[in-house]
């Protein structure tokens, strides 16, 4: 999904489109299949003022509206 589609979906759900949300949306759009941790790291390289909680809230919001799908990874020893 493109950055514009993510932004449109957020707007359609009544969410404000902040600078931080635009950055997170762009990172998600450019890094399909990335882990939440990877997304956080990439976002922090673009804007150090964006905290981990902000990224996770955005990912959760996108999950709730069906934009992203969470895949739980099981660590096998």
N, C-alpha and C. Protein backbone atom coordinates (compact mmCIF):
# COMPACT_ATOMS: atom_id res chain seq x y z
N UNK A 1 0.85 -1.18 0.00
CA UNK A 1 0.00 0.00 0.00
C UNK A 1 0.90 1.24 0.00
N UNK A 2 0.49 2.21 -0.75
CA UNK A 2 1.30 3.43 -0.85
C UNK A 2 1.08 4.35 0.35
N UNK A 3 2.00 5.27 0.50
CA UNK A 3 1.92 6.27 1.56
C UNK A 3 0.61 7.05 1.46
N UNK A 4 0.24 7.43 0.24
CA UNK A 4 -1.00 8.21 0.05
C UNK A 4 -2.22 7.41 0.46
N UNK A 5 -2.23 6.11 0.16
CA UNK A 5 -3.36 5.26 0.53
C UNK A 5 -3.47 5.12 2.04
N UNK A 6 -2.33 5.01 2.70
CA UNK A 6 -2.34 4.92 4.16
C UNK A 6 -2.89 6.21 4.76
N UNK A 7 -2.42 7.35 4.27
CA UNK A 7 -2.88 8.65 4.77
C UNK A 7 -4.38 8.81 4.53
N UNK A 8 -4.85 8.43 3.36
CA UNK A 8 -6.28 8.52 3.04
C UNK A 8 -7.10 7.65 3.98
N UNK A 9 -6.64 6.44 4.24
CA UNK A 9 -7.36 5.54 5.14
C UNK A 9 -7.43 6.11 6.55
N UNK A 10 -6.34 6.73 7.00
CA UNK A 10 -6.35 7.35 8.33
C UNK A 10 -7.32 8.53 8.38
N UNK A 11 -7.30 9.35 7.34
CA UNK A 11 -8.23 10.49 7.27
C UNK A 11 -9.68 10.00 7.27
N UNK A 12 -9.94 8.94 6.50
CA UNK A 12 -11.30 8.39 6.42
C UNK A 12 -11.80 7.90 7.78
N UNK A 13 -10.87 7.51 8.65
CA UNK A 13 -11.24 7.06 9.99
C UNK A 13 -11.25 8.20 11.00
N UNK A 14 -11.06 9.43 10.50
CA UNK A 14 -11.16 10.60 11.36
C UNK A 14 -9.89 10.96 12.11
N UNK A 15 -8.78 10.35 11.74
CA UNK A 15 -7.52 10.65 12.42
C UNK A 15 -6.87 11.88 11.80
N UNK A 16 -6.28 12.71 12.67
CA UNK A 16 -5.52 13.86 12.19
C UNK A 16 -4.24 13.35 11.54
N UNK A 17 -3.82 14.03 10.51
CA UNK A 17 -2.58 13.64 9.83
C UNK A 17 -1.47 14.58 10.27
N UNK A 18 -0.70 14.11 11.23
CA UNK A 18 0.39 14.90 11.78
C UNK A 18 1.68 14.59 11.02
N UNK A 19 2.68 15.41 11.26
CA UNK A 19 3.99 15.19 10.66
C UNK A 19 4.52 13.80 11.04
N UNK A 20 4.36 13.43 12.31
CA UNK A 20 4.83 12.14 12.78
C UNK A 20 4.11 11.00 12.08
N UNK A 21 2.81 11.11 11.92
CA UNK A 21 2.05 10.06 11.25
C UNK A 21 2.44 9.94 9.79
N UNK A 22 2.73 11.06 9.14
CA UNK A 22 3.20 11.01 7.76
C UNK A 22 4.52 10.27 7.65
N UNK A 23 5.43 10.53 8.57
CA UNK A 23 6.73 9.86 8.56
C UNK A 23 6.55 8.36 8.77
N UNK A 24 5.76 7.98 9.77
CA UNK A 24 5.54 6.57 10.05
C UNK A 24 4.86 5.89 8.86
N UNK A 25 3.87 6.54 8.27
CA UNK A 25 3.18 5.97 7.11
C UNK A 25 4.15 5.76 5.96
N UNK A 26 5.03 6.70 5.74
CA UNK A 26 6.01 6.58 4.67
C UNK A 26 6.96 5.41 4.92
N UNK A 27 7.42 5.27 6.14
CA UNK A 27 8.33 4.16 6.48
C UNK A 27 7.62 2.82 6.29
N UNK A 28 6.38 2.73 6.72
CA UNK A 28 5.63 1.48 6.55
C UNK A 28 5.43 1.17 5.07
N UNK A 29 5.08 2.18 4.29
CA UNK A 29 4.86 1.98 2.86
C UNK A 29 6.13 1.53 2.14
N UNK A 30 7.27 2.04 2.58
CA UNK A 30 8.54 1.72 1.92
C UNK A 30 9.18 0.43 2.43
N UNK A 31 8.68 -0.12 3.52
CA UNK A 31 9.31 -1.28 4.15
C UNK A 31 8.30 -2.38 4.42
N UNK A 32 7.67 -2.85 3.36
CA UNK A 32 6.66 -3.90 3.47
C UNK A 32 7.24 -5.13 4.16
N UNK A 33 6.56 -5.62 5.15
CA UNK A 33 6.99 -6.81 5.85
C UNK A 33 7.98 -6.57 6.97
N UNK A 34 8.32 -5.31 7.24
CA UNK A 34 9.26 -5.00 8.31
C UNK A 34 8.62 -5.25 9.67
N UNK A 35 9.45 -5.59 10.63
CA UNK A 35 8.95 -5.79 12.00
C UNK A 35 8.67 -4.42 12.64
N UNK A 36 7.90 -4.45 13.71
CA UNK A 36 7.62 -3.21 14.44
C UNK A 36 8.92 -2.58 14.91
N UNK A 37 9.82 -3.40 15.40
CA UNK A 37 11.11 -2.90 15.89
C UNK A 37 11.89 -2.23 14.76
N UNK A 38 11.90 -2.86 13.58
CA UNK A 38 12.59 -2.27 12.43
C UNK A 38 11.97 -0.95 12.03
N UNK A 39 10.64 -0.90 12.03
CA UNK A 39 9.94 0.33 11.68
C UNK A 39 10.33 1.43 12.66
N UNK A 40 10.34 1.11 13.95
CA UNK A 40 10.74 2.09 14.97
C UNK A 40 12.14 2.63 14.70
N UNK A 41 13.07 1.73 14.41
CA UNK A 41 14.46 2.14 14.17
C UNK A 41 14.57 3.05 12.95
N UNK A 42 13.87 2.72 11.89
CA UNK A 42 13.91 3.53 10.68
C UNK A 42 13.28 4.90 10.93
N UNK A 43 12.14 4.91 11.61
CA UNK A 43 11.46 6.17 11.93
C UNK A 43 12.38 7.06 12.76
N UNK A 44 13.08 6.47 13.74
CA UNK A 44 13.97 7.27 14.61
C UNK A 44 15.14 7.86 13.84
N UNK A 45 15.57 7.21 12.75
CA UNK A 45 16.65 7.79 11.94
C UNK A 45 16.14 9.01 11.17
N UNK A 46 14.84 9.04 10.90
CA UNK A 46 14.26 10.16 10.15
C UNK A 46 13.87 11.32 11.06
N UNK A 47 13.43 11.00 12.30
CA UNK A 47 13.02 12.04 13.25
C UNK A 47 13.17 11.49 14.66
N UNK A 48 14.20 11.93 15.35
CA UNK A 48 14.49 11.43 16.69
C UNK A 48 13.45 11.82 17.73
N UNK A 49 12.58 12.78 17.39
CA UNK A 49 11.56 13.20 18.36
C UNK A 49 10.38 12.24 18.40
N UNK A 50 10.29 11.31 17.46
CA UNK A 50 9.18 10.36 17.42
C UNK A 50 9.54 9.17 18.31
N UNK A 51 8.76 8.98 19.35
CA UNK A 51 9.02 7.91 20.30
C UNK A 51 8.47 6.56 19.86
N UNK A 52 8.97 5.54 20.52
CA UNK A 52 8.53 4.18 20.22
C UNK A 52 7.03 4.01 20.41
N UNK A 53 6.49 4.60 21.47
CA UNK A 53 5.05 4.48 21.74
C UNK A 53 4.22 5.07 20.61
N UNK A 54 4.68 6.17 20.05
CA UNK A 54 3.98 6.80 18.92
C UNK A 54 3.94 5.86 17.73
N UNK A 55 5.06 5.22 17.45
CA UNK A 55 5.12 4.29 16.31
C UNK A 55 4.19 3.11 16.55
N UNK A 56 4.24 2.54 17.75
CA UNK A 56 3.40 1.38 18.04
C UNK A 56 1.91 1.73 18.02
N UNK A 57 1.56 2.94 18.49
CA UNK A 57 0.15 3.37 18.42
C UNK A 57 -0.30 3.49 16.97
N UNK A 58 0.56 4.02 16.13
CA UNK A 58 0.23 4.17 14.71
C UNK A 58 0.07 2.80 14.05
N UNK A 59 0.97 1.89 14.35
CA UNK A 59 0.87 0.54 13.80
C UNK A 59 -0.43 -0.12 14.26
N UNK A 60 -0.77 0.04 15.54
CA UNK A 60 -2.02 -0.52 16.07
C UNK A 60 -3.23 0.09 15.38
N UNK A 61 -3.22 1.40 15.16
CA UNK A 61 -4.33 2.06 14.46
C UNK A 61 -4.47 1.52 13.05
N UNK A 62 -3.34 1.32 12.37
CA UNK A 62 -3.38 0.77 11.01
C UNK A 62 -3.85 -0.68 11.01
N UNK A 63 -3.48 -1.41 12.03
CA UNK A 63 -3.95 -2.79 12.17
C UNK A 63 -5.47 -2.80 12.38
N UNK A 64 -5.96 -1.91 13.24
CA UNK A 64 -7.39 -1.84 13.55
C UNK A 64 -8.24 -1.53 12.32
N UNK A 65 -7.69 -0.74 11.38
CA UNK A 65 -8.48 -0.40 10.18
C UNK A 65 -8.15 -1.29 8.99
N UNK A 66 -7.31 -2.30 9.23
CA UNK A 66 -7.05 -3.29 8.20
C UNK A 66 -5.97 -2.95 7.19
N UNK A 67 -5.15 -1.97 7.49
CA UNK A 67 -4.07 -1.57 6.58
C UNK A 67 -2.87 -2.49 6.72
N UNK A 68 -2.55 -2.85 7.95
CA UNK A 68 -1.44 -3.77 8.18
C UNK A 68 -1.96 -4.99 8.93
N UNK A 69 -1.20 -6.06 8.81
CA UNK A 69 -1.56 -7.30 9.50
C UNK A 69 -0.41 -7.69 10.41
N UNK A 70 -0.74 -7.98 11.64
CA UNK A 70 0.28 -8.39 12.61
C UNK A 70 0.52 -9.89 12.45
N UNK A 71 1.79 -10.23 12.40
CA UNK A 71 2.17 -11.63 12.37
C UNK A 71 3.04 -11.88 13.59
N UNK A 72 2.56 -12.72 14.48
CA UNK A 72 3.32 -13.03 15.70
C UNK A 72 4.41 -14.03 15.34
N UNK A 73 5.62 -13.69 15.70
CA UNK A 73 6.75 -14.56 15.42
C UNK A 73 7.04 -15.36 16.69
N UNK A 74 7.15 -16.66 16.54
CA UNK A 74 7.44 -17.52 17.66
C UNK A 74 8.93 -17.87 17.62
N UNK A 75 9.58 -17.61 18.71
CA UNK A 75 11.01 -17.88 18.79
C UNK A 75 11.20 -19.32 19.27
N UNK A 76 11.79 -20.13 18.44
CA UNK A 76 12.05 -21.52 18.80
C UNK A 76 13.49 -21.66 19.27
N UNK A 77 13.68 -22.40 20.31
CA UNK A 77 15.04 -22.59 20.83
C UNK A 77 15.64 -23.87 20.31
